Amino acid sequence: MTKQLKIFLTRESVSQGDDVFAPHEKIISFSSNRNVTELIKEIRSIHYLVNIFGDKATWVMKNGKTRIAVIAQEWTNPKLIVDKNILVDNLEISEDRVNIHFDYLAQQDPDIVYQKFMSSEK
């Protein structure tokens, strides 16, 4: 049965001026039977992750302690660390919501970040 889940988003700030609103909380509703790739597309479509000057922001999307994806401002598509077919319903749920946090890794090379996480997952 498909249900709507509350997705609670938080992200780190990208600069001191951005910290005024930290932790940048936002709640969206999302269908439980859709996969994480679709969730990332939704989050990107609402421009939740800010773009920075120079177009090189690197983010790591997490659910609890699980790293889900590396998202880079210069990439068209994220690179998933988990199976691309994992459903949102299979993510960790806490307090009747799915908590998603984005760590900001400044301008770190997203390919190196991705390779590091992939090798640590094996």
Protein backbone atom coordinates (compact mmCIF):
# COMPACT_ATOMS: atom_id res chain seq x y z
CA MET A 1 0.00 0.00 0.00
CA THR A 2 1.34 3.39 -0.96
CA LYS A 3 1.42 6.04 1.72
CA GLN A 4 2.80 9.54 1.97
CA LEU A 5 5.82 9.90 4.22
CA LYS A 6 7.11 13.04 5.85
CA ILE A 7 10.67 13.68 4.74
CA PHE A 8 12.49 15.94 7.19
CA LEU A 9 15.42 17.65 5.45
CA THR A 10 18.38 19.33 7.12
CA ARG A 11 21.63 20.56 5.65
CA GLU A 12 24.83 22.19 6.73
CA SER A 13 25.47 25.79 5.86
CA VAL A 14 27.72 26.82 3.00
CA SER A 15 28.96 30.10 4.52
CA GLN A 16 28.69 32.20 7.67
CA GLY A 17 25.98 34.34 6.12
CA ASP A 18 24.04 31.17 5.37
CA ASP A 19 24.25 30.10 9.04
CA VAL A 20 21.50 32.53 9.98
CA PHE A 21 19.00 29.84 9.01
CA ALA A 22 20.95 26.68 10.00
CA PRO A 23 20.10 23.77 10.11
CA HIS A 24 17.88 24.74 7.18
CA GLU A 25 14.96 22.51 8.10
CA LYS A 26 12.31 21.67 5.55
CA ILE A 27 9.56 19.05 5.48
CA ILE A 28 8.27 17.58 2.25
CA SER A 29 5.76 14.84 1.58
CA PHE A 30 6.85 11.93 -0.59
CA SER A 31 5.33 8.64 -1.71
CA SER A 32 6.67 5.61 0.18
CA ASN A 33 6.79 3.42 -2.93
CA ARG A 34 9.17 5.68 -4.89
CA ASN A 35 12.91 5.10 -4.89
CA VAL A 36 15.73 7.24 -3.52
CA THR A 37 16.73 8.40 -7.00
CA GLU A 38 13.28 9.97 -7.39
CA LEU A 39 13.58 11.51 -3.91
CA ILE A 40 16.88 13.14 -4.86
CA LYS A 41 15.30 14.52 -8.05
CA GLU A 42 12.48 16.00 -5.98
CA ILE A 43 14.89 17.59 -3.51
CA ARG A 44 16.92 19.07 -6.35
CA SER A 45 13.78 20.35 -8.10
CA ILE A 46 12.84 22.44 -5.04
CA HIS A 47 16.39 23.86 -4.94
CA TYR A 48 16.93 22.78 -1.35
CA LEU A 49 20.68 22.42 -1.84
CA VAL A 50 22.14 25.82 -2.52
CA ASN A 51 24.47 26.50 -5.40
CA ILE A 52 27.71 28.28 -4.69
CA PHE A 53 29.84 30.64 -6.71
CA GLY A 54 32.21 28.55 -8.84
CA ASP A 55 29.67 25.72 -9.28
CA LYS A 56 31.60 23.17 -7.23
CA ALA A 57 29.53 22.38 -4.12
CA THR A 58 29.73 18.75 -2.98
CA TRP A 59 27.09 17.21 -0.71
CA VAL A 60 26.68 13.81 0.94
CA MET A 61 23.08 12.72 1.51
CA LYS A 62 22.53 10.64 4.65
CA ASN A 63 19.70 8.85 6.40
CA GLY A 64 20.82 8.24 9.96
CA LYS A 65 24.35 6.81 9.65
CA THR A 66 23.73 5.49 6.14
CA ARG A 67 25.28 7.43 3.29
CA ILE A 68 22.88 7.43 0.35
CA ALA A 69 24.52 9.53 -2.37
CA VAL A 70 27.09 12.08 -3.36
CA ILE A 71 25.53 15.10 -5.03
CA ALA A 72 27.72 17.59 -6.81
CA GLN A 73 26.69 20.94 -8.19
CA GLU A 74 28.67 20.26 -11.38
CA TRP A 75 27.06 16.85 -11.97
CA THR A 76 23.76 16.40 -13.79
CA ASN A 77 22.98 13.27 -11.75
CA PRO A 78 24.00 12.17 -8.27
CA LYS A 79 26.08 9.06 -7.67
CA LEU A 80 24.36 6.63 -5.36
CA ILE A 81 26.19 4.76 -2.64
CA VAL A 82 23.15 2.56 -1.96
CA ASP A 83 21.17 0.49 -4.46
CA LYS A 84 19.34 2.87 -6.81
CA ASN A 85 16.14 0.83 -6.43
CA ILE A 86 15.87 1.17 -2.66
CA LEU A 87 12.45 2.51 -1.80
CA VAL A 88 11.93 5.47 0.46
CA ASP A 89 9.81 3.15 2.63
CA ASN A 90 12.98 1.13 3.34
CA LEU A 91 14.87 4.08 4.80
CA GLU A 92 15.20 4.51 8.54
CA ILE A 93 12.11 6.14 10.01
CA SER A 94 12.32 8.07 13.27
CA GLU A 95 9.52 10.00 14.96
CA ASP A 96 7.12 9.12 12.09
CA ARG A 97 9.37 10.70 9.48
CA VAL A 98 12.37 9.97 7.30
CA ASN A 99 15.27 12.17 8.35
CA ILE A 100 17.60 13.18 5.52
CA HIS A 101 20.70 15.24 6.24
CA PHE A 102 23.15 16.75 3.78
CA ASP A 103 26.78 17.20 4.80
CA TYR A 104 28.45 20.02 2.90
CA LEU A 105 31.95 19.09 1.78
CA ALA A 106 32.78 22.50 0.31
CA GLN A 107 34.60 22.18 -3.00
CA GLN A 108 36.06 18.71 -2.43
CA ASP A 109 36.38 16.72 -5.64
CA PRO A 110 33.10 14.75 -5.76
CA ASP A 111 34.66 11.86 -7.69
CA ILE A 112 37.27 11.35 -4.97
CA VAL A 113 34.60 11.64 -2.26
CA TYR A 114 32.42 9.08 -4.06
CA GLN A 115 35.30 6.61 -4.53
CA LYS A 116 36.25 6.94 -0.86
CA PHE A 117 32.72 6.17 0.28
CA MET A 118 32.30 3.30 -2.18
CA SER A 119 35.54 1.66 -1.02
CA SER A 120 34.55 2.04 2.63
CA GLU A 121 31.16 0.38 1.95
CA LYS A 122 32.80 -2.86 0.72
